[in-house]
Amino acid sequence: MDTISVIKQQIENNPIILYMKGTPEFPQCGFSARACQILNACGAKFAYVNILENPDIRQELPKYANWPTFPQLYVKGELIGGCDIIVESYEQGTLKELLQQAS
């Protein structure tokens, strides 16, 4: 299976998925750490992909998503955005509602 097919399958099979550097328990960058903190604060159960252990996904996902940076949050198959958008929608109260609908 090619990398784009793997990405599509991951996004389709997980209502909430975060492509990040590291793991939720041990994030490898501040932006990924912040994204995990917010998802946890919302009580969201989410899948994740550590792009540092998946160089093919790290290379192909920005092209697929037309989004150059990590982390990348997908909810119900749709790209929500990166850390700044996650923080903004959390502060506005819209993220928690979106995550609850996806669960």
PDB file of N, CA and C in Angstrom:
ATOM      1  N   MET A   1       0.865  -1.177   0.000  1.00  0.00           N
ATOM      2  CA  MET A   1       0.000   0.000   0.000  1.00  0.00           C
ATOM      3  C   MET A   1       0.909   1.238   0.000  1.00  0.00           C
ATOM      4  N   ASP A   2       0.605   2.202  -0.877  1.00  0.00           N
ATOM      5  CA  ASP A   2       1.428   3.404  -0.913  1.00  0.00           C
ATOM      6  C   ASP A   2       1.104   4.317   0.268  1.00  0.00           C
ATOM      7  N   THR A   3       1.962   5.276   0.503  1.00  0.00           N
ATOM      8  CA  THR A   3       1.860   6.126   1.691  1.00  0.00           C
ATOM      9  C   THR A   3       0.569   6.928   1.717  1.00  0.00           C
ATOM     10  N   ILE A   4       0.153   7.466   0.589  1.00  0.00           N
ATOM     11  CA  ILE A   4      -1.090   8.250   0.549  1.00  0.00           C
ATOM     12  C   ILE A   4      -2.277   7.361   0.907  1.00  0.00           C
ATOM     13  N   SER A   5      -2.290   6.128   0.444  1.00  0.00           N
ATOM     14  CA  SER A   5      -3.370   5.198   0.800  1.00  0.00           C
ATOM     15  C   SER A   5      -3.370   4.902   2.293  1.00  0.00           C
ATOM     16  N   VAL A   6      -2.189   4.774   2.875  1.00  0.00           N
ATOM     17  CA  VAL A   6      -2.079   4.547   4.320  1.00  0.00           C
ATOM     18  C   VAL A   6      -2.649   5.745   5.073  1.00  0.00           C
ATOM     19  N   ILE A   7      -2.284   6.949   4.660  1.00  0.00           N
ATOM     20  CA  ILE A   7      -2.783   8.173   5.302  1.00  0.00           C
ATOM     21  C   ILE A   7      -4.305   8.236   5.208  1.00  0.00           C
ATOM     22  N   LYS A   8      -4.834   8.001   4.020  1.00  0.00           N
ATOM     23  CA  LYS A   8      -6.296   8.040   3.831  1.00  0.00           C
ATOM     24  C   LYS A   8      -6.984   7.027   4.740  1.00  0.00           C
ATOM     25  N   GLN A   9      -6.417   5.832   4.831  1.00  0.00           N
ATOM     26  CA  GLN A   9      -6.999   4.783   5.667  1.00  0.00           C
ATOM     27  C   GLN A   9      -6.963   5.188   7.147  1.00  0.00           C
ATOM     28  N   GLN A  10      -5.853   5.765   7.588  1.00  0.00           N
ATOM     29  CA  GLN A  10      -5.747   6.202   8.982  1.00  0.00           C
ATOM     30  C   GLN A  10      -6.799   7.261   9.296  1.00  0.00           C
ATOM     31  N   ILE A  11      -6.951   8.215   8.403  1.00  0.00           N
ATOM     32  CA  ILE A  11      -7.905   9.306   8.622  1.00  0.00           C
ATOM     33  C   ILE A  11      -9.338   8.782   8.603  1.00  0.00           C
ATOM     34  N   GLU A  12      -9.636   7.857   7.692  1.00  0.00           N
ATOM     35  CA  GLU A  12     -10.985   7.301   7.594  1.00  0.00           C
ATOM     36  C   GLU A  12     -11.328   6.406   8.785  1.00  0.00           C
ATOM     37  N   ASN A  13     -10.344   5.684   9.313  1.00  0.00           N
ATOM     38  CA  ASN A  13     -10.601   4.693  10.360  1.00  0.00           C
ATOM     39  C   ASN A  13     -10.574   5.258  11.779  1.00  0.00           C
ATOM     40  N   ASN A  14     -10.184   6.512  11.921  1.00  0.00           N
ATOM     41  CA  ASN A  14     -10.085   7.118  13.250  1.00  0.00           C
ATOM     42  C   ASN A  14     -10.862   8.426  13.275  1.00  0.00           C
ATOM     43  N   PRO A  15     -11.918   8.509  14.083  1.00  0.00           N
ATOM     44  CA  PRO A  15     -12.725   9.735  14.116  1.00  0.00           C
ATOM     45  C   PRO A  15     -11.904  10.961  14.503  1.00  0.00           C
ATOM     46  N   ILE A  16     -10.908  10.766  15.378  1.00  0.00           N
ATOM     47  CA  ILE A  16     -10.020  11.856  15.773  1.00  0.00           C
ATOM     48  C   ILE A  16      -8.601  11.318  15.693  1.00  0.00           C
ATOM     49  N   ILE A  17      -7.775  11.958  14.872  1.00  0.00           N
ATOM     50  CA  ILE A  17      -6.382  11.517  14.737  1.00  0.00           C
ATOM     51  C   ILE A  17      -5.474  12.737  14.675  1.00  0.00           C
ATOM     52  N   LEU A  18      -4.369  12.630  15.379  1.00  0.00           N
ATOM     53  CA  LEU A  18      -3.386  13.703  15.441  1.00  0.00           C
ATOM     54  C   LEU A  18      -2.065  13.189  14.882  1.00  0.00           C
ATOM     55  N   TYR A  19      -1.581  13.849  13.844  1.00  0.00           N
ATOM     56  CA  TYR A  19      -0.245  13.580  13.323  1.00  0.00           C
ATOM     57  C   TYR A  19       0.681  14.522  14.061  1.00  0.00           C
ATOM     58  N   MET A  20       1.646  13.947  14.773  1.00  0.00           N
ATOM     59  CA  MET A  20       2.442  14.746  15.701  1.00  0.00           C
ATOM     60  C   MET A  20       3.885  14.265  15.745  1.00  0.00           C
ATOM     61  N   LYS A  21       4.714  15.072  16.382  1.00  0.00           N
ATOM     62  CA  LYS A  21       6.099  14.679  16.638  1.00  0.00           C
ATOM     63  C   LYS A  21       6.153  14.091  18.041  1.00  0.00           C
ATOM     64  N   GLY A  22       6.436  12.790  18.114  1.00  0.00           N
ATOM     65  CA  GLY A  22       6.465  12.090  19.388  1.00  0.00           C
ATOM     66  C   GLY A  22       5.143  11.389  19.649  1.00  0.00           C
ATOM     67  N   THR A  23       4.891  11.156  20.936  1.00  0.00           N
ATOM     68  CA  THR A  23       3.665  10.488  21.364  1.00  0.00           C
ATOM     69  C   THR A  23       2.949  11.387  22.371  1.00  0.00           C
ATOM     70  N   PRO A  24       1.676  11.131  22.638  1.00  0.00           N
ATOM     71  CA  PRO A  24       0.986  11.944  23.644  1.00  0.00           C
ATOM     72  C   PRO A  24       1.679  11.904  25.012  1.00  0.00           C
ATOM     73  N   GLU A  25       2.282  10.758  25.344  1.00  0.00           N
ATOM     74  CA  GLU A  25       2.979  10.631  26.624  1.00  0.00           C
ATOM     75  C   GLU A  25       4.338  11.317  26.603  1.00  0.00           C
ATOM     76  N   PHE A  26       4.949  11.409  25.419  1.00  0.00           N
ATOM     77  CA  PHE A  26       6.280  11.995  25.294  1.00  0.00           C
ATOM     78  C   PHE A  26       6.388  12.787  23.992  1.00  0.00           C
ATOM     79  N   PRO A  27       5.706  13.929  23.923  1.00  0.00           N
ATOM     80  CA  PRO A  27       5.769  14.739  22.703  1.00  0.00           C
ATOM     81  C   PRO A  27       7.196  15.267  22.479  1.00  0.00           C
ATOM     82  N   GLN A  28       7.558  15.387  21.212  1.00  0.00           N
ATOM     83  CA  GLN A  28       8.913  15.791  20.856  1.00  0.00           C
ATOM     84  C   GLN A  28       9.000  17.232  20.363  1.00  0.00           C
ATOM     85  N   CYS A  29       7.916  17.986  20.481  1.00  0.00           N
ATOM     86  CA  CYS A  29       7.968  19.416  20.183  1.00  0.00           C
ATOM     87  C   CYS A  29       6.872  20.116  20.973  1.00  0.00           C
ATOM     88  N   GLY A  30       7.064  21.375  21.218  1.00  0.00           N
ATOM     89  CA  GLY A  30       6.120  22.144  22.022  1.00  0.00           C
ATOM     90  C   GLY A  30       4.736  22.225  21.402  1.00  0.00           C
ATOM     91  N   PHE A  31       4.673  22.329  20.085  1.00  0.00           N
ATOM     92  CA  PHE A  31       3.376  22.433  19.410  1.00  0.00           C
ATOM     93  C   PHE A  31       2.583  21.135  19.544  1.00  0.00           C
ATOM     94  N   SER A  32       3.266  19.999  19.389  1.00  0.00           N
ATOM     95  CA  SER A  32       2.604  18.709  19.564  1.00  0.00           C
ATOM     96  C   SER A  32       2.166  18.534  21.015  1.00  0.00           C
ATOM     97  N   ALA A  33       3.002  18.968  21.951  1.00  0.00           N
ATOM     98  CA  ALA A  33       2.654  18.873  23.370  1.00  0.00           C
ATOM     99  C   ALA A  33       1.397  19.688  23.666  1.00  0.00           C
ATOM    100  N   ARG A  34       1.333  20.896  23.137  1.00  0.00           N
ATOM    101  CA  ARG A  34       0.172  21.770  23.379  1.00  0.00           C
ATOM    102  C   ARG A  34      -1.093  21.157  22.783  1.00  0.00           C
ATOM    103  N   ALA A  35      -0.988  20.626  21.572  1.00  0.00           N
ATOM    104  CA  ALA A  35      -2.147  19.993  20.929  1.00  0.00           C
ATOM    105  C   ALA A  35      -2.670  18.836  21.782  1.00  0.00           C
ATOM    106  N   CYS A  36      -1.777  18.006  22.303  1.00  0.00           N
ATOM    107  CA  CYS A  36      -2.183  16.884  23.155  1.00  0.00           C
ATOM    108  C   CYS A  36      -2.822  17.371  24.443  1.00  0.00           C
ATOM    109  N   GLN A  37      -2.256  18.417  25.048  1.00  0.00           N
ATOM    110  CA  GLN A  37      -2.831  18.971  26.279  1.00  0.00           C
ATOM    111  C   GLN A  37      -4.271  19.402  26.042  1.00  0.00           C
ATOM    112  N   ILE A  38      -4.507  20.061  24.928  1.00  0.00           N
ATOM    113  CA  ILE A  38      -5.858  20.560  24.624  1.00  0.00           C
ATOM    114  C   ILE A  38      -6.813  19.402  24.364  1.00  0.00           C
ATOM    115  N   LEU A  39      -6.381  18.424  23.578  1.00  0.00           N
ATOM    116  CA  LEU A  39      -7.251  17.271  23.312  1.00  0.00           C
ATOM    117  C   LEU A  39      -7.590  16.551  24.613  1.00  0.00           C
ATOM    118  N   ASN A  40      -6.609  16.402  25.483  1.00  0.00           N
ATOM    119  CA  ASN A  40      -6.859  15.766  26.780  1.00  0.00           C
ATOM    120  C   ASN A  40      -7.784  16.615  27.642  1.00  0.00           C
ATOM    121  N   ALA A  41      -7.616  17.931  27.616  1.00  0.00           N
ATOM    122  CA  ALA A  41      -8.477  18.828  28.388  1.00  0.00           C
ATOM    123  C   ALA A  41      -9.927  18.737  27.909  1.00  0.00           C
ATOM    124  N   CYS A  42     -10.110  18.430  26.633  1.00  0.00           N
ATOM    125  CA  CYS A  42     -11.457  18.271  26.074  1.00  0.00           C
ATOM    126  C   CYS A  42     -12.018  16.874  26.352  1.00  0.00           C
ATOM    127  N   GLY A  43     -11.202  15.997  26.910  1.00  0.00           N
ATOM    128  CA  GLY A  43     -11.644  14.635  27.182  1.00  0.00           C
ATOM    129  C   GLY A  43     -11.717  13.766  25.943  1.00  0.00           C
ATOM    130  N   ALA A  44     -11.000  14.154  24.909  1.00  0.00           N
ATOM    131  CA  ALA A  44     -11.074  13.434  23.631  1.00  0.00           C
ATOM    132  C   ALA A  44     -10.204  12.180  23.665  1.00  0.00           C
ATOM    133  N   LYS A  45     -10.754  11.104  23.131  1.00  0.00           N
ATOM    134  CA  LYS A  45      -9.967   9.911  22.878  1.00  0.00           C
ATOM    135  C   LYS A  45      -9.537  10.011  21.421  1.00  0.00           C
ATOM    136  N   PHE A  46      -8.235   9.984  21.198  1.00  0.00           N
ATOM    137  CA  PHE A  46      -7.745  10.200  19.841  1.00  0.00           C
ATOM    138  C   PHE A  46      -6.616   9.245  19.496  1.00  0.00           C
ATOM    139  N   ALA A  47      -6.545   8.936  18.225  1.00  0.00           N
ATOM    140  CA  ALA A  47      -5.428   8.168  17.695  1.00  0.00           C
ATOM    141  C   ALA A  47      -4.321   9.159  17.347  1.00  0.00           C
ATOM    142  N   TYR A  48      -3.123   8.648  17.213  1.00  0.00           N
ATOM    143  CA  TYR A  48      -2.028   9.520  16.818  1.00  0.00           C
ATOM    144  C   TYR A  48      -1.059   8.752  15.941  1.00  0.00           C
ATOM    145  N   VAL A  49      -0.290   9.500  15.171  1.00  0.00           N
ATOM    146  CA  VAL A  49       0.792   8.945  14.383  1.00  0.00           C
ATOM    147  C   VAL A  49       2.023   9.779  14.687  1.00  0.00           C
ATOM    148  N   ASN A  50       3.072   9.114  15.140  1.00  0.00           N
ATOM    149  CA  ASN A  50       4.338   9.767  15.409  1.00  0.00           C
ATOM    150  C   ASN A  50       5.090   9.894  14.082  1.00  0.00           C
ATOM    151  N   ILE A  51       5.120  11.091  13.527  1.00  0.00           N
ATOM    152  CA  ILE A  51       5.742  11.263  12.213  1.00  0.00           C
ATOM    153  C   ILE A  51       7.257  11.104  12.265  1.00  0.00           C
ATOM    154  N   LEU A  52       7.844  11.205  13.456  1.00  0.00           N
ATOM    155  CA  LEU A  52       9.286  11.002  13.572  1.00  0.00           C
ATOM    156  C   LEU A  52       9.657   9.548  13.338  1.00  0.00           C
ATOM    157  N   GLU A  53       8.701   8.642  13.583  1.00  0.00           N
ATOM    158  CA  GLU A  53       8.930   7.214  13.334  1.00  0.00           C
ATOM    159  C   GLU A  53       8.369   6.773  11.978  1.00  0.00           C
ATOM    160  N   ASN A  54       7.751   7.701  11.274  1.00  0.00           N
ATOM    161  CA  ASN A  54       7.135   7.407   9.978  1.00  0.00           C
ATOM    162  C   ASN A  54       7.568   8.459   8.959  1.00  0.00           C
ATOM    163  N   PRO A  55       8.823   8.378   8.481  1.00  0.00           N
ATOM    164  CA  PRO A  55       9.332   9.412   7.587  1.00  0.00           C
ATOM    165  C   PRO A  55       8.546   9.543   6.280  1.00  0.00           C
ATOM    166  N   ASP A  56       7.972   8.442   5.791  1.00  0.00           N
ATOM    167  CA  ASP A  56       7.170   8.528   4.562  1.00  0.00           C
ATOM    168  C   ASP A  56       5.931   9.388   4.789  1.00  0.00           C
ATOM    169  N   ILE A  57       5.265   9.179   5.931  1.00  0.00           N
ATOM    170  CA  ILE A  57       4.081   9.987   6.250  1.00  0.00           C
ATOM    171  C   ILE A  57       4.496  11.433   6.486  1.00  0.00           C
ATOM    172  N   ARG A  58       5.603  11.625   7.169  1.00  0.00           N
ATOM    173  CA  ARG A  58       6.092  12.991   7.419  1.00  0.00           C
ATOM    174  C   ARG A  58       6.329  13.741   6.112  1.00  0.00           C
ATOM    175  N   GLN A  59       6.786  13.035   5.107  1.00  0.00           N
ATOM    176  CA  GLN A  59       7.071  13.656   3.811  1.00  0.00           C
ATOM    177  C   GLN A  59       5.800  13.856   2.975  1.00  0.00           C
ATOM    178  N   GLU A  60       4.894  12.901   2.987  1.00  0.00           N
ATOM    179  CA  GLU A  60       3.741  12.926   2.096  1.00  0.00           C
ATOM    180  C   GLU A  60       2.518  13.660   2.651  1.00  0.00           C
ATOM    181  N   LEU A  61       2.314  13.643   3.961  1.00  0.00           N
ATOM    182  CA  LEU A  61       1.112  14.262   4.523  1.00  0.00           C
ATOM    183  C   LEU A  61       0.994  15.755   4.198  1.00  0.00           C
ATOM    184  N   PRO A  62       2.068  16.543   4.303  1.00  0.00           N
ATOM    185  CA  PRO A  62       1.915  17.963   3.947  1.00  0.00           C
ATOM    186  C   PRO A  62       1.442  18.180   2.504  1.00  0.00           C
ATOM    187  N   LYS A  63       1.857  17.323   1.593  1.00  0.00           N
ATOM    188  CA  LYS A  63       1.400  17.423   0.197  1.00  0.00           C
ATOM    189  C   LYS A  63      -0.073  17.033   0.099  1.00  0.00           C
ATOM    190  N   TYR A  64      -0.427  15.925   0.756  1.00  0.00           N
ATOM    191  CA  TYR A  64      -1.806  15.435   0.734  1.00  0.00           C
ATOM    192  C   TYR A  64      -2.757  16.471   1.333  1.00  0.00           C
ATOM    193  N   ALA A  65      -2.360  17.037   2.466  1.00  0.00           N
ATOM    194  CA  ALA A  65      -3.235  17.941   3.209  1.00  0.00           C
ATOM    195  C   ALA A  65      -3.146  19.385   2.731  1.00  0.00           C
ATOM    196  N   ASN A  66      -2.111  19.684   1.953  1.00  0.00           N
ATOM    197  CA  ASN A  66      -1.825  21.072   1.583  1.00  0.00           C
ATOM    198  C   ASN A  66      -1.659  21.915   2.855  1.00  0.00           C
ATOM    199  N   TRP A  67      -0.987  21.323   3.824  1.00  0.00           N
ATOM    200  CA  TRP A  67      -0.727  21.963   5.125  1.00  0.00           C
ATOM    201  C   TRP A  67       0.713  21.610   5.492  1.00  0.00           C
ATOM    202  N   PRO A  68       1.596  22.590   5.603  1.00  0.00           N
ATOM    203  CA  PRO A  68       3.031  22.291   5.667  1.00  0.00           C
ATOM    204  C   PRO A  68       3.589  21.862   7.015  1.00  0.00           C
ATOM    205  N   THR A  69       2.868  22.093   8.104  1.00  0.00           N
ATOM    206  CA  THR A  69       3.467  21.904   9.423  1.00  0.00           C
ATOM    207  C   THR A  69       2.772  20.810  10.229  1.00  0.00           C
ATOM    208  N   PHE A  70       3.406  20.444  11.321  1.00  0.00           N
ATOM    209  CA  PHE A  70       2.861  19.483  12.280  1.00  0.00           C
ATOM    210  C   PHE A  70       2.813  20.147  13.637  1.00  0.00           C
ATOM    211  N   PRO A  71       1.849  19.770  14.459  1.00  0.00           N
ATOM    212  CA  PRO A  71       0.880  18.696  14.305  1.00  0.00           C
ATOM    213  C   PRO A  71      -0.234  19.046  13.324  1.00  0.00           C
ATOM    214  N   GLN A  72      -0.941  17.997  12.909  1.00  0.00           N
ATOM    215  CA  GLN A  72      -2.139  18.141  12.087  1.00  0.00           C
ATOM    216  C   GLN A  72      -3.246  17.323  12.746  1.00  0.00           C
ATOM    217  N   LEU A  73      -4.368  17.977  13.004  1.00  0.00           N
ATOM    218  CA  LEU A  73      -5.510  17.318  13.638  1.00  0.00           C
ATOM    219  C   LEU A  73      -6.613  17.102  12.611  1.00  0.00           C
ATOM    220  N   TYR A  74      -7.096  15.858  12.552  1.00  0.00           N
ATOM    221  CA  TYR A  74      -8.219  15.503  11.689  1.00  0.00           C
ATOM    222  C   TYR A  74      -9.370  15.027  12.563  1.00  0.00           C
ATOM    223  N   VAL A  75     -10.557  15.522  12.280  1.00  0.00           N
ATOM    224  CA  VAL A  75     -11.760  15.101  12.977  1.00  0.00           C
ATOM    225  C   VAL A  75     -12.777  14.694  11.920  1.00  0.00           C
ATOM    226  N   LYS A  76     -13.239  13.455  12.031  1.00  0.00           N
ATOM    227  CA  LYS A  76     -14.205  12.895  11.073  1.00  0.00           C
ATOM    228  C   LYS A  76     -13.748  13.122   9.631  1.00  0.00           C
ATOM    229  N   GLY A  77     -12.475  12.850   9.383  1.00  0.00           N
ATOM    230  CA  GLY A  77     -11.941  12.907   8.033  1.00  0.00           C
ATOM    231  C   GLY A  77     -11.558  14.287   7.538  1.00  0.00           C
ATOM    232  N   GLU A  78     -11.764  15.296   8.344  1.00  0.00           N
ATOM    233  CA  GLU A  78     -11.514  16.669   7.897  1.00  0.00           C
ATOM    234  C   GLU A  78     -10.338  17.279   8.663  1.00  0.00           C
ATOM    235  N   LEU A  79      -9.456  17.935   7.928  1.00  0.00           N
ATOM    236  CA  LEU A  79      -8.332  18.621   8.556  1.00  0.00           C
ATOM    237  C   LEU A  79      -8.850  19.830   9.320  1.00  0.00           C
ATOM    238  N   ILE A  80      -8.578  19.857  10.616  1.00  0.00           N
ATOM    239  CA  ILE A  80      -8.946  21.002  11.445  1.00  0.00           C
ATOM    240  C   ILE A  80      -7.844  22.040  11.377  1.00  0.00           C
ATOM    241  N   GLY A  81      -6.601  21.585  11.464  1.00  0.00           N
ATOM    242  CA  GLY A  81      -5.470  22.494  11.355  1.00  0.00           C
ATOM    243  C   GLY A  81      -4.347  22.097  12.280  1.00  0.00           C
ATOM    244  N   GLY A  82      -3.456  23.050  12.504  1.00  0.00           N
ATOM    245  CA  GLY A  82      -2.301  22.838  13.356  1.00  0.00           C
ATOM    246  C   GLY A  82      -2.516  23.431  14.739  1.00  0.00           C
ATOM    247  N   CYS A  83      -1.425  23.612  15.442  1.00  0.00           N
ATOM    248  CA  CYS A  83      -1.476  24.016  16.840  1.00  0.00           C
ATOM    249  C   CYS A  83      -2.220  25.336  17.049  1.00  0.00           C
ATOM    250  N   ASP A  84      -1.922  26.351  16.247  1.00  0.00           N
ATOM    251  CA  ASP A  84      -2.567  27.657  16.444  1.00  0.00           C
ATOM    252  C   ASP A  84      -4.078  27.567  16.294  1.00  0.00           C
ATOM    253  N   ILE A  85      -4.537  26.829  15.302  1.00  0.00           N
ATOM    254  CA  ILE A  85      -5.980  26.689  15.080  1.00  0.00           C
ATOM    255  C   ILE A  85      -6.605  25.847  16.187  1.00  0.00           C
ATOM    256  N   ILE A  86      -5.888  24.824  16.642  1.00  0.00           N
ATOM    257  CA  ILE A  86      -6.387  24.004  17.746  1.00  0.00           C
ATOM    258  C   ILE A  86      -6.566  24.868  18.995  1.00  0.00           C
ATOM    259  N   VAL A  87      -5.564  25.683  19.309  1.00  0.00           N
ATOM    260  CA  VAL A  87      -5.634  26.565  20.480  1.00  0.00           C
ATOM    261  C   VAL A  87      -6.784  27.553  20.335  1.00  0.00           C
ATOM    262  N   GLU A  88      -6.878  28.158  19.164  1.00  0.00           N
ATOM    263  CA  GLU A  88      -7.921  29.168  18.922  1.00  0.00           C
ATOM    264  C   GLU A  88      -9.318  28.575  19.054  1.00  0.00           C
ATOM    265  N   SER A  89      -9.547  27.427  18.442  1.00  0.00           N
ATOM    266  CA  SER A  89     -10.887  26.835  18.505  1.00  0.00           C
ATOM    267  C   SER A  89     -11.185  26.313  19.913  1.00  0.00           C
ATOM    268  N   TYR A  90     -10.159  25.904  20.643  1.00  0.00           N
ATOM    269  CA  TYR A  90     -10.350  25.494  22.045  1.00  0.00           C
ATOM    270  C   TYR A  90     -10.779  26.695  22.881  1.00  0.00           C
ATOM    271  N   GLU A  91     -10.075  27.807  22.709  1.00  0.00           N
ATOM    272  CA  GLU A  91     -10.385  29.014  23.477  1.00  0.00           C
ATOM    273  C   GLU A  91     -11.774  29.560  23.148  1.00  0.00           C
ATOM    274  N   GLN A  92     -12.220  29.365  21.915  1.00  0.00           N
ATOM    275  CA  GLN A  92     -13.554  29.820  21.504  1.00  0.00           C
ATOM    276  C   GLN A  92     -14.645  28.842  21.935  1.00  0.00           C
ATOM    277  N   GLY A  93     -14.249  27.652  22.369  1.00  0.00           N
ATOM    278  CA  GLY A  93     -15.208  26.659  22.814  1.00  0.00           C
ATOM    279  C   GLY A  93     -15.758  25.771  21.707  1.00  0.00           C
ATOM    280  N   THR A  94     -15.306  25.962  20.493  1.00  0.00           N
ATOM    281  CA  THR A  94     -15.843  25.172  19.384  1.00  0.00           C
ATOM    282  C   THR A  94     -15.177  23.807  19.252  1.00  0.00           C
ATOM    283  N   LEU A  95     -13.936  23.686  19.702  1.00  0.00           N
ATOM    284  CA  LEU A  95     -13.213  22.421  19.537  1.00  0.00           C
ATOM    285  C   LEU A  95     -13.837  21.311  20.373  1.00  0.00           C
ATOM    286  N   LYS A  96     -14.132  21.589  21.622  1.00  0.00           N
ATOM    287  CA  LYS A  96     -14.689  20.548  22.501  1.00  0.00           C
ATOM    288  C   LYS A  96     -15.986  19.995  21.929  1.00  0.00           C
ATOM    289  N   GLU A  97     -16.828  20.883  21.437  1.00  0.00           N
ATOM    290  CA  GLU A  97     -18.105  20.462  20.834  1.00  0.00           C
ATOM    291  C   GLU A  97     -17.854  19.575  19.609  1.00  0.00           C
ATOM    292  N   LEU A  98     -16.917  19.990  18.765  1.00  0.00           N
ATOM    293  CA  LEU A  98     -16.582  19.228  17.572  1.00  0.00           C
ATOM    294  C   LEU A  98     -16.061  17.843  17.933  1.00  0.00           C
ATOM    295  N   LEU A  99     -15.199  17.789  18.933  1.00  0.00           N
ATOM    296  CA  LEU A  99     -14.636  16.513  19.368  1.00  0.00           C
ATOM    297  C   LEU A  99     -15.691  15.597  19.979  1.00  0.00           C
ATOM    298  N   GLN A 100     -16.622  16.172  20.740  1.00  0.00           N
ATOM    299  CA  GLN A 100     -17.695  15.373  21.337  1.00  0.00           C
ATOM    300  C   GLN A 100     -18.596  14.780  20.263  1.00  0.00           C
ATOM    301  N   GLN A 101     -18.853  15.530  19.213  1.00  0.00           N
ATOM    302  CA  GLN A 101     -19.693  15.032  18.117  1.00  0.00           C
ATOM    303  C   GLN A 101     -19.013  13.894  17.379  1.00  0.00           C
ATOM    304  N   ALA A 102     -17.676  13.916  17.350  1.00  0.00           N
ATOM    305  CA  ALA A 102     -16.921  12.889  16.622  1.00  0.00           C
ATOM    306  C   ALA A 102     -16.788  11.589  17.397  1.00  0.00           C
ATOM    307  N   SER A 103     -16.914  11.668  18.719  1.00  0.00           N
ATOM    308  CA  SER A 103     -16.701  10.479  19.558  1.00  0.00           C
ATOM    309  C   SER A 103     -17.841   9.491  19.447  1.00  0.00           C
TER     310      SER A 103
END
